[in-house]
Amino acid sequence: MNIKSDLVFYRETGNVVGFINNANECGSLSQNVATHCLVLMVIGVNSNLKYSVGWFPTKSTTATDLYAIFWEAVAHLETYCNLKVIASTSDKASSNMKFIALHGKDDMVYKTTNLFSPDREIFFLSDAPHLLKTIRNNLSASGSKENSRLLWKNGKNLLWRHVVEVYERDMQNELSKATKLTYNHIHLSSFSVMKVNLAAQVLSRSVGLIIEEYGGEAATETARFIKLVDRFFDCLNVRSLYEGERKRKPDLMPYTSVDDPRFQFLTEDFLGYIRDWKDQVDNRQGFNKTETSKMFLSYQTYKGLVITTKAVVEATKYLIQHGVNFVLTNKFCQDPVEEHFGRHRALGRQSDNPTVYEFGYQEYKLRLQRSLALQIKPNGNVTRSSKLCEIEIDDTPLKKKRRNTLVTYKT
């Protein structure tokens, strides 16, 4: 989270608060003032646990710093808290990807042995909503934005123009719209590009079906890709026991069996499509490396898709095999962390950019709130726990309060 660079003298300890966590290893004092705060958060796969276990003022966290911080957190969770660490989720920042690569010999590392429980493994994956946004960004740059990218597969181009044509056709229909596309979906700004719902509505099955129906032969590959991405995101965004039934989408049902057909779709159909696409581009003749790199997704996106798909499939199977009744894959995303940062900004009211001192004060306040929330089971607003409430309740009506009246006289 981005914070305000500022120094505060803390009278109780005599320290100056606002420097980065490893200030002694850097140069001048001006270079040691923190600009960001790194937060590690633990989330329960089959519980309501959401708790920040550590925060660090930083400026630019390296992969080696993350390595030491991560395994120290795992050590505390495994040894002192008796919690089993199954997976680690992060975005596709370069330091995060380098940190994951430190755990293996090749560039597609997605799991490693748990040092504090060698019979188990820890899986590494990228945040699914971030992946969806990067896929949309790759497609939005194809054939537009000065041709920074020109996606190609099976002899056909995957173009952003095909999505724009769906939006224009929808705007001509004044009675009802077939999709949820609006101006913000098509004309991306620095704000709209960060909205996950806009990316999900662009890469949706309804958009893919309309492109397939009205886009002609040239747009068939774009339609196929969009429909595959829609299923991929649904499989990684299962967040409720009944959402799949309510929306009549089997891909949103909770995972309860290791033989779930969605595992085959993710590992064979989706990843098979992505790998075949990469092989076609790499083997295309008559183009140099710079030109072929524009015909495929960015390497960071491709790597994130591969390691995330493998990690989610194996982690979900492991949990089911070891006694978990159902798995909601939305638990593997970073939404609780984003919510945690939102609470920090809300606590600051108009000052939504706290300093290190203010961030630390707010962090302890939020931890206390989460600690109290973990003690109270969310059983509804009409039940009471015998341990928390021993007051006898009856239905005797209360006496009416005497109302004070004001009498005025007029002469």
Protein backbone atom coordinates (compact mmCIF):
# COMPACT_ATOMS: atom_id res chain seq x y z
CA MET A 1 0.00 0.00 0.00
CA ASN A 2 1.27 3.46 -0.91
CA ILE A 3 1.81 5.72 2.13
CA LYS A 4 2.91 9.28 2.82
CA SER A 5 6.61 9.74 3.45
CA ASP A 6 6.96 11.40 6.84
CA LEU A 7 8.98 11.08 10.05
CA VAL A 8 7.44 11.16 13.54
CA PHE A 9 9.28 11.19 16.86
CA TYR A 10 7.72 8.60 19.16
CA ARG A 11 8.20 9.87 22.72
CA GLU A 12 7.45 6.60 24.49
CA THR A 13 10.38 4.77 22.86
CA GLY A 14 12.56 7.68 21.76
CA ASN A 15 12.62 6.38 18.18
CA VAL A 16 11.90 8.15 14.92
CA VAL A 17 9.13 6.31 13.02
CA GLY A 18 8.96 6.46 9.23
CA PHE A 19 12.12 4.74 8.02
CA ILE A 20 12.13 1.50 6.05
CA ASN A 21 12.40 -1.79 7.91
CA ASN A 22 16.07 -2.42 7.00
CA ALA A 23 17.28 1.18 7.16
CA ASN A 24 20.68 0.19 8.55
CA GLU A 25 21.59 -1.56 5.31
CA CYS A 26 20.99 1.48 3.07
CA GLY A 27 22.72 4.78 2.46
CA SER A 28 21.68 8.28 3.48
CA LEU A 29 18.70 9.01 5.71
CA SER A 30 16.74 10.57 2.85
CA GLN A 31 16.93 7.24 0.99
CA ASN A 32 15.61 5.33 4.01
CA VAL A 33 12.22 7.05 4.34
CA ALA A 34 9.46 4.52 3.60
CA THR A 35 7.00 5.05 0.75
CA HIS A 36 5.00 1.80 1.00
CA CYS A 37 3.83 -0.70 3.59
CA LEU A 38 4.02 -4.44 2.98
CA VAL A 39 1.32 -6.51 4.74
CA LEU A 40 1.22 -10.29 5.19
CA MET A 41 -2.27 -11.63 5.78
CA VAL A 42 -3.44 -15.13 6.73
CA ILE A 43 -6.82 -16.29 5.38
CA GLY A 44 -8.63 -19.47 6.39
CA VAL A 45 -9.60 -21.82 3.56
CA ASN A 46 -12.46 -23.42 5.52
CA SER A 47 -12.96 -20.80 8.24
CA ASN A 48 -13.66 -17.08 8.71
CA LEU A 49 -10.04 -16.33 9.66
CA LYS A 50 -8.75 -13.05 8.18
CA TYR A 51 -5.83 -11.58 10.08
CA SER A 52 -2.73 -9.56 9.26
CA VAL A 53 0.30 -11.28 10.75
CA GLY A 54 2.90 -8.66 9.93
CA TRP A 55 3.52 -5.29 8.28
CA PHE A 56 6.76 -3.71 7.14
CA PRO A 57 7.53 -0.15 5.99
CA THR A 58 9.42 -0.44 2.72
CA LYS A 59 10.51 1.44 -0.35
CA SER A 60 11.22 -1.38 -2.81
CA THR A 61 11.08 -4.92 -1.45
CA THR A 62 13.44 -7.36 -3.14
CA ALA A 63 12.89 -11.07 -3.71
CA THR A 64 15.45 -11.98 -1.05
CA ASP A 65 13.68 -9.73 1.49
CA LEU A 66 10.38 -11.44 0.67
CA TYR A 67 12.01 -14.85 1.04
CA ALA A 68 13.11 -14.15 4.61
CA ILE A 69 9.82 -12.47 5.59
CA PHE A 70 7.67 -15.22 4.07
CA TRP A 71 9.42 -18.14 5.75
CA GLU A 72 9.52 -16.36 9.10
CA ALA A 73 5.75 -15.94 8.85
CA VAL A 74 5.33 -19.62 7.89
CA ALA A 75 7.45 -20.61 10.90
CA HIS A 76 5.21 -18.68 13.30
CA LEU A 77 1.99 -19.99 11.76
CA GLU A 78 3.12 -23.62 11.70
CA THR A 79 4.87 -23.81 15.07
CA TYR A 80 3.10 -21.33 17.37
CA CYS A 81 -0.38 -20.95 15.83
CA ASN A 82 -0.81 -24.59 14.76
CA LEU A 83 -2.05 -23.46 11.32
CA LYS A 84 -1.23 -25.34 8.13
CA VAL A 85 0.03 -23.12 5.34
CA ILE A 86 -1.30 -24.43 2.01
CA ALA A 87 -0.79 -21.66 -0.54
CA SER A 88 0.65 -18.18 -1.03
CA THR A 89 -1.08 -15.59 -3.22
CA SER A 90 0.45 -12.41 -4.64
CA ASP A 91 0.15 -10.18 -7.68
CA LYS A 92 2.49 -10.32 -10.67
CA ALA A 93 4.98 -7.72 -9.46
CA SER A 94 8.51 -8.51 -10.58
CA SER A 95 9.80 -8.95 -7.01
CA ASN A 96 6.97 -11.41 -6.25
CA MET A 97 7.67 -13.47 -9.36
CA LYS A 98 11.41 -13.53 -8.59
CA PHE A 99 10.61 -14.63 -5.04
CA ILE A 100 8.62 -17.58 -6.38
CA ALA A 101 11.42 -18.47 -8.81
CA LEU A 102 13.85 -18.75 -5.87
CA HIS A 103 12.10 -22.00 -4.87
CA GLY A 104 12.96 -23.98 -7.98
CA LYS A 105 15.35 -24.48 -10.86
CA ASP A 106 13.06 -23.61 -13.77
CA ASP A 107 10.99 -20.48 -14.43
CA MET A 108 7.59 -22.13 -13.92
CA VAL A 109 7.82 -22.92 -10.21
CA TYR A 110 4.41 -23.25 -8.59
CA LYS A 111 5.11 -25.27 -5.41
CA THR A 112 7.82 -26.05 -2.88
CA THR A 113 8.29 -28.30 0.12
CA ASN A 114 7.12 -26.86 3.41
CA LEU A 115 10.31 -26.54 5.48
CA PHE A 116 8.37 -26.89 8.75
CA SER A 117 6.29 -29.87 7.59
CA PRO A 118 8.16 -31.81 4.88
CA ASP A 119 5.18 -34.08 4.18
CA ARG A 120 3.26 -31.09 2.80
CA GLU A 121 3.85 -28.58 0.01
CA ILE A 122 3.16 -24.87 -0.31
CA PHE A 123 1.67 -23.71 -3.61
CA PHE A 124 2.38 -20.33 -5.21
CA LEU A 125 -0.20 -18.60 -7.36
CA SER A 126 -1.07 -15.22 -8.77
CA ASP A 127 -4.24 -13.35 -7.90
CA ALA A 128 -6.97 -14.43 -10.37
CA PRO A 129 -8.61 -10.96 -10.67
CA HIS A 130 -5.21 -9.44 -11.51
CA LEU A 131 -4.71 -12.10 -14.16
CA LEU A 132 -8.11 -11.32 -15.66
CA LYS A 133 -7.24 -7.62 -15.91
CA THR A 134 -3.89 -8.34 -17.59
CA ILE A 135 -5.59 -10.63 -20.12
CA ARG A 136 -8.07 -7.85 -20.92
CA ASN A 137 -5.19 -5.36 -21.22
CA ASN A 138 -3.40 -7.64 -23.67
CA LEU A 139 -6.53 -7.94 -25.79
CA SER A 140 -7.27 -4.19 -25.62
CA ALA A 141 -3.79 -3.49 -27.06
CA SER A 142 -4.27 -5.91 -29.96
CA GLY A 143 -4.76 -3.97 -33.19
CA SER A 144 -5.08 -0.68 -31.28
CA LYS A 145 -2.92 1.68 -29.24
CA GLU A 146 -0.37 2.04 -32.04
CA ASN A 147 -0.38 -1.74 -32.59
CA SER A 148 1.63 -2.46 -29.45
CA ARG A 149 0.27 -6.01 -29.70
CA LEU A 150 -1.32 -8.04 -32.52
CA LEU A 151 -2.55 -11.34 -31.12
CA TRP A 152 -2.64 -14.22 -33.61
CA LYS A 153 -3.66 -17.88 -33.44
CA ASN A 154 -4.78 -20.50 -35.96
CA GLY A 155 -4.30 -18.06 -38.82
CA LYS A 156 -6.66 -15.45 -37.32
CA ASN A 157 -6.10 -12.26 -35.36
CA LEU A 158 -7.62 -11.66 -31.94
CA LEU A 159 -8.53 -7.97 -32.05
CA TRP A 160 -10.01 -5.47 -29.62
CA ARG A 161 -12.07 -4.16 -32.53
CA HIS A 162 -14.26 -7.27 -32.30
CA VAL A 163 -15.31 -6.26 -28.76
CA VAL A 164 -15.85 -2.64 -29.83
CA GLU A 165 -18.21 -3.81 -32.58
CA VAL A 166 -20.31 -5.67 -29.99
CA TYR A 167 -20.59 -2.48 -27.94
CA GLU A 168 -21.56 -0.40 -31.00
CA ARG A 169 -24.18 -2.96 -32.04
CA ASP A 170 -25.55 -2.96 -28.49
CA MET A 171 -25.83 0.84 -28.47
CA GLN A 172 -27.98 0.73 -31.61
CA ASN A 173 -30.52 -1.48 -29.84
CA GLU A 174 -32.57 1.01 -27.84
CA LEU A 175 -35.04 -1.50 -26.37
CA SER A 176 -32.72 -3.93 -24.61
CA LYS A 177 -29.02 -4.64 -24.37
CA ALA A 178 -27.50 -8.07 -24.86
CA THR A 179 -24.39 -7.29 -22.81
CA LYS A 180 -23.29 -5.02 -19.95
CA LEU A 181 -20.75 -3.15 -22.06
CA THR A 182 -20.61 0.61 -21.56
CA TYR A 183 -18.31 3.44 -22.58
CA ASN A 184 -15.98 2.68 -19.65
CA HIS A 185 -15.57 -0.93 -20.79
CA ILE A 186 -14.31 0.11 -24.23
CA HIS A 187 -12.46 3.37 -23.58
CA LEU A 188 -10.16 2.40 -20.74
CA SER A 189 -8.75 5.05 -18.42
CA SER A 190 -6.29 4.91 -15.55
CA PHE A 191 -9.26 4.37 -13.21
CA SER A 192 -11.43 1.96 -15.22
CA VAL A 193 -8.46 -0.25 -16.08
CA MET A 194 -8.23 -1.20 -12.39
CA LYS A 195 -11.87 -2.32 -12.08
CA VAL A 196 -12.17 -6.13 -12.05
CA ASN A 197 -15.88 -6.14 -12.87
CA LEU A 198 -15.25 -4.24 -16.11
CA ALA A 199 -12.68 -6.82 -17.21
CA ALA A 200 -15.01 -9.70 -16.24
CA GLN A 201 -17.89 -8.21 -18.22
CA VAL A 202 -15.72 -7.75 -21.32
CA LEU A 203 -14.33 -11.30 -21.13
CA SER A 204 -17.76 -12.84 -20.59
CA ARG A 205 -19.59 -15.65 -22.34
CA SER A 206 -22.32 -13.31 -23.60
CA VAL A 207 -19.74 -11.13 -25.40
CA GLY A 208 -18.07 -14.23 -26.85
CA LEU A 209 -21.37 -15.60 -28.16
CA ILE A 210 -22.28 -12.31 -29.89
CA ILE A 211 -18.84 -12.09 -31.50
CA GLU A 212 -19.21 -15.68 -32.65
CA GLU A 213 -22.68 -14.98 -34.09
CA TYR A 214 -22.13 -11.62 -35.80
CA GLY A 215 -18.37 -11.18 -36.07
CA GLY A 216 -17.88 -13.45 -39.08
CA GLU A 217 -15.16 -15.99 -39.76
CA ALA A 218 -12.35 -13.55 -38.92
CA ALA A 219 -13.57 -13.15 -35.33
CA THR A 220 -14.08 -16.81 -34.41
CA GLU A 221 -10.76 -17.09 -32.58
CA THR A 222 -11.49 -13.99 -30.52
CA ALA A 223 -14.86 -15.45 -29.51
CA ARG A 224 -13.32 -18.79 -28.57
CA PHE A 225 -10.61 -17.16 -26.46
CA ILE A 226 -13.11 -14.95 -24.59
CA LYS A 227 -15.35 -17.91 -23.77
CA LEU A 228 -12.36 -19.92 -22.48
CA VAL A 229 -11.24 -17.04 -20.25
CA ASP A 230 -14.80 -16.68 -18.91
CA ARG A 231 -14.82 -20.34 -17.82
CA PHE A 232 -11.30 -20.05 -16.43
CA PHE A 233 -12.25 -17.11 -14.20
CA ASP A 234 -15.46 -18.79 -13.03
CA CYS A 235 -13.50 -21.89 -12.00
CA LEU A 236 -11.10 -19.73 -9.96
CA ASN A 237 -13.80 -17.46 -8.52
CA VAL A 238 -16.07 -19.92 -6.68
CA ARG A 239 -17.18 -17.89 -3.67
CA SER A 240 -20.48 -19.35 -2.44
CA LEU A 241 -22.19 -22.68 -1.87
CA TYR A 242 -25.29 -21.70 -3.80
CA GLU A 243 -24.20 -19.11 -6.38
CA GLY A 244 -23.77 -21.79 -9.03
CA GLU A 245 -27.33 -23.01 -8.53
CA ARG A 246 -28.75 -19.49 -8.42
CA LYS A 247 -27.01 -18.41 -11.63
CA ARG A 248 -27.27 -21.87 -13.23
CA LYS A 249 -23.53 -21.98 -13.87
CA PRO A 250 -21.90 -25.31 -12.90
CA ASP A 251 -18.45 -23.68 -12.96
CA LEU A 252 -19.41 -21.63 -9.88
CA MET A 253 -20.32 -24.67 -7.78
CA PRO A 254 -18.00 -25.53 -4.84
CA TYR A 255 -15.37 -28.20 -5.38
CA THR A 256 -16.24 -31.41 -3.53
CA SER A 257 -14.51 -34.19 -5.49
CA VAL A 258 -11.04 -34.83 -6.88
CA ASP A 259 -12.74 -36.08 -10.07
CA ASP A 260 -14.40 -32.73 -10.75
CA PRO A 261 -14.47 -32.19 -14.57
CA ARG A 262 -13.30 -28.59 -14.08
CA PHE A 263 -9.83 -29.89 -13.21
CA GLN A 264 -9.58 -31.45 -16.66
CA PHE A 265 -10.82 -28.25 -18.28
CA LEU A 266 -8.21 -26.14 -16.48
CA THR A 267 -5.21 -28.42 -17.06
CA GLU A 268 -6.02 -29.76 -20.54
CA ASP A 269 -8.49 -27.50 -22.33
CA PHE A 270 -7.44 -24.08 -21.06
CA LEU A 271 -3.72 -24.63 -20.54
CA GLY A 272 -3.62 -26.76 -23.68
CA TYR A 273 -5.07 -23.87 -25.67
CA ILE A 274 -2.54 -21.40 -24.19
CA ARG A 275 0.45 -23.70 -24.82
CA ASP A 276 -0.65 -24.51 -28.36
CA TRP A 277 -0.99 -20.78 -28.99
CA LYS A 278 2.56 -20.17 -27.76
CA ASP A 279 3.95 -23.04 -29.88
CA GLN A 280 2.26 -21.71 -33.01
CA VAL A 281 3.70 -18.24 -32.46
CA ASP A 282 7.20 -19.54 -31.67
CA ASN A 283 7.24 -21.70 -34.82
CA ARG A 284 5.77 -19.11 -37.20
CA GLN A 285 8.14 -18.42 -40.05
CA GLY A 286 9.06 -15.09 -41.60
CA PHE A 287 8.90 -12.99 -38.42
CA ASN A 288 11.59 -11.92 -35.99
CA LYS A 289 11.42 -12.32 -32.22
CA THR A 290 10.06 -8.82 -31.62
CA GLU A 291 7.21 -9.35 -34.06
CA THR A 292 6.27 -12.79 -32.72
CA SER A 293 6.24 -11.49 -29.13
CA LYS A 294 3.35 -9.19 -30.11
CA MET A 295 1.30 -12.17 -31.37
CA PHE A 296 1.03 -13.78 -27.94
CA LEU A 297 0.16 -12.72 -24.40
CA SER A 298 2.88 -11.03 -22.38
CA TYR A 299 5.28 -13.48 -20.79
CA GLN A 300 4.29 -12.35 -17.27
CA THR A 301 0.64 -13.09 -18.04
CA TYR A 302 1.48 -16.47 -19.57
CA LYS A 303 3.62 -17.44 -16.59
CA GLY A 304 0.93 -16.31 -14.15
CA LEU A 305 -1.73 -18.38 -15.94
CA VAL A 306 0.39 -21.54 -15.92
CA ILE A 307 1.54 -21.48 -12.30
CA THR A 308 -1.85 -20.32 -10.98
CA THR A 309 -3.81 -23.01 -12.81
CA LYS A 310 -1.47 -25.79 -11.66
CA ALA A 311 -1.35 -24.50 -8.09
CA VAL A 312 -5.13 -24.10 -7.71
CA VAL A 313 -5.82 -27.58 -9.13
CA GLU A 314 -3.29 -29.36 -6.91
CA ALA A 315 -4.07 -27.34 -3.78
CA THR A 316 -7.81 -27.97 -4.17
CA LYS A 317 -7.29 -31.70 -4.68
CA TYR A 318 -5.01 -31.84 -1.64
CA LEU A 319 -7.59 -30.14 0.57
CA ILE A 320 -10.39 -32.46 -0.58
CA GLN A 321 -8.22 -35.55 -0.07
CA HIS A 322 -7.41 -34.47 3.49
CA GLY A 323 -10.88 -33.98 4.89
CA VAL A 324 -12.13 -30.62 3.62
CA ASN A 325 -15.77 -31.05 2.62
CA PHE A 326 -15.76 -28.32 -0.03
CA VAL A 327 -13.35 -25.74 -1.42
CA LEU A 328 -14.19 -22.21 -2.56
CA THR A 329 -11.40 -21.12 -4.90
CA ASN A 330 -12.16 -17.46 -4.25
CA LYS A 331 -10.33 -18.01 -0.94
CA PHE A 332 -7.08 -18.04 -2.95
CA CYS A 333 -7.46 -14.45 -4.16
CA GLN A 334 -6.27 -11.15 -2.65
CA ASP A 335 -9.66 -9.59 -1.97
CA PRO A 336 -9.22 -9.65 1.85
CA VAL A 337 -5.93 -7.75 1.50
CA GLU A 338 -7.56 -5.14 -0.75
CA GLU A 339 -10.39 -4.87 1.78
CA HIS A 340 -7.82 -4.45 4.57
CA PHE A 341 -6.16 -1.55 2.74
CA GLY A 342 -9.59 -0.04 2.13
CA ARG A 343 -10.27 -0.08 5.87
CA HIS A 344 -6.97 1.75 6.42
CA ARG A 345 -8.01 4.48 3.99
CA ALA A 346 -11.46 4.70 5.56
CA LEU A 347 -10.01 5.17 9.04
CA GLY A 348 -8.08 8.18 7.78
CA ARG A 349 -11.29 9.88 6.60
CA GLN A 350 -10.20 12.65 4.23
CA SER A 351 -6.54 11.80 4.82
CA ASP A 352 -6.59 8.47 2.98
CA ASN A 353 -2.81 8.37 2.57
CA PRO A 354 -1.41 7.60 6.08
CA THR A 355 2.15 7.92 7.29
CA VAL A 356 4.04 4.96 8.77
CA TYR A 357 3.10 6.07 12.29
CA GLU A 358 -0.58 6.41 11.38
CA PHE A 359 -0.52 3.12 9.49
CA GLY A 360 0.87 1.31 12.52
CA TYR A 361 -1.73 2.84 14.85
CA GLN A 362 -4.54 1.88 12.45
CA GLU A 363 -3.10 -1.61 11.99
CA TYR A 364 -3.31 -2.36 15.71
CA LYS A 365 -6.87 -1.03 15.76
CA LEU A 366 -7.88 -3.30 12.86
CA ARG A 367 -6.17 -6.29 14.47
CA LEU A 368 -8.15 -5.73 17.64
CA GLN A 369 -11.38 -5.61 15.64
CA ARG A 370 -10.50 -8.84 13.83
CA SER A 371 -9.57 -10.52 17.13
CA LEU A 372 -12.98 -9.68 18.58
CA ALA A 373 -14.72 -10.80 15.39
CA LEU A 374 -13.01 -14.20 15.58
CA GLN A 375 -14.35 -14.71 19.11
CA ILE A 376 -17.97 -14.09 18.09
CA LYS A 377 -19.44 -16.66 15.74
CA PRO A 378 -21.53 -15.07 12.96
CA ASN A 379 -24.76 -16.95 13.81
CA GLY A 380 -27.13 -14.11 12.95
CA ASN A 381 -28.68 -11.22 14.84
CA VAL A 382 -31.32 -13.21 16.75
CA THR A 383 -29.13 -15.75 18.54
CA ARG A 384 -27.00 -15.31 21.63
CA SER A 385 -24.11 -17.22 23.12
CA SER A 386 -24.44 -18.38 26.73
CA LYS A 387 -20.84 -17.42 27.36
CA LEU A 388 -21.30 -13.85 26.17
CA CYS A 389 -24.75 -13.08 27.50
CA GLU A 390 -26.29 -14.34 30.76
CA ILE A 391 -29.15 -11.82 30.99
CA GLU A 392 -32.63 -13.22 31.42
CA ILE A 393 -34.99 -11.93 28.75
CA ASP A 394 -38.77 -11.69 29.22
CA ASP A 395 -41.64 -10.14 27.30
CA THR A 396 -42.77 -7.66 29.99
CA PRO A 397 -43.34 -4.29 28.31
CA LEU A 398 -41.28 -1.38 29.55
CA LYS A 399 -42.92 1.56 31.30
CA LYS A 400 -43.50 4.55 29.11
CA LYS A 401 -41.16 7.41 29.72
CA ARG A 402 -42.70 10.62 30.92
CA ARG A 403 -42.41 13.24 28.23
CA ASN A 404 -41.39 16.73 29.20
CA THR A 405 -43.74 19.36 27.86
CA LEU A 406 -43.27 23.05 27.32
CA VAL A 407 -46.18 25.32 28.16
CA THR A 408 -46.28 28.83 26.74
CA TYR A 409 -48.43 31.68 27.86
CA LYS A 410 -49.61 34.53 25.77
CA THR A 411 -50.85 37.78 27.23
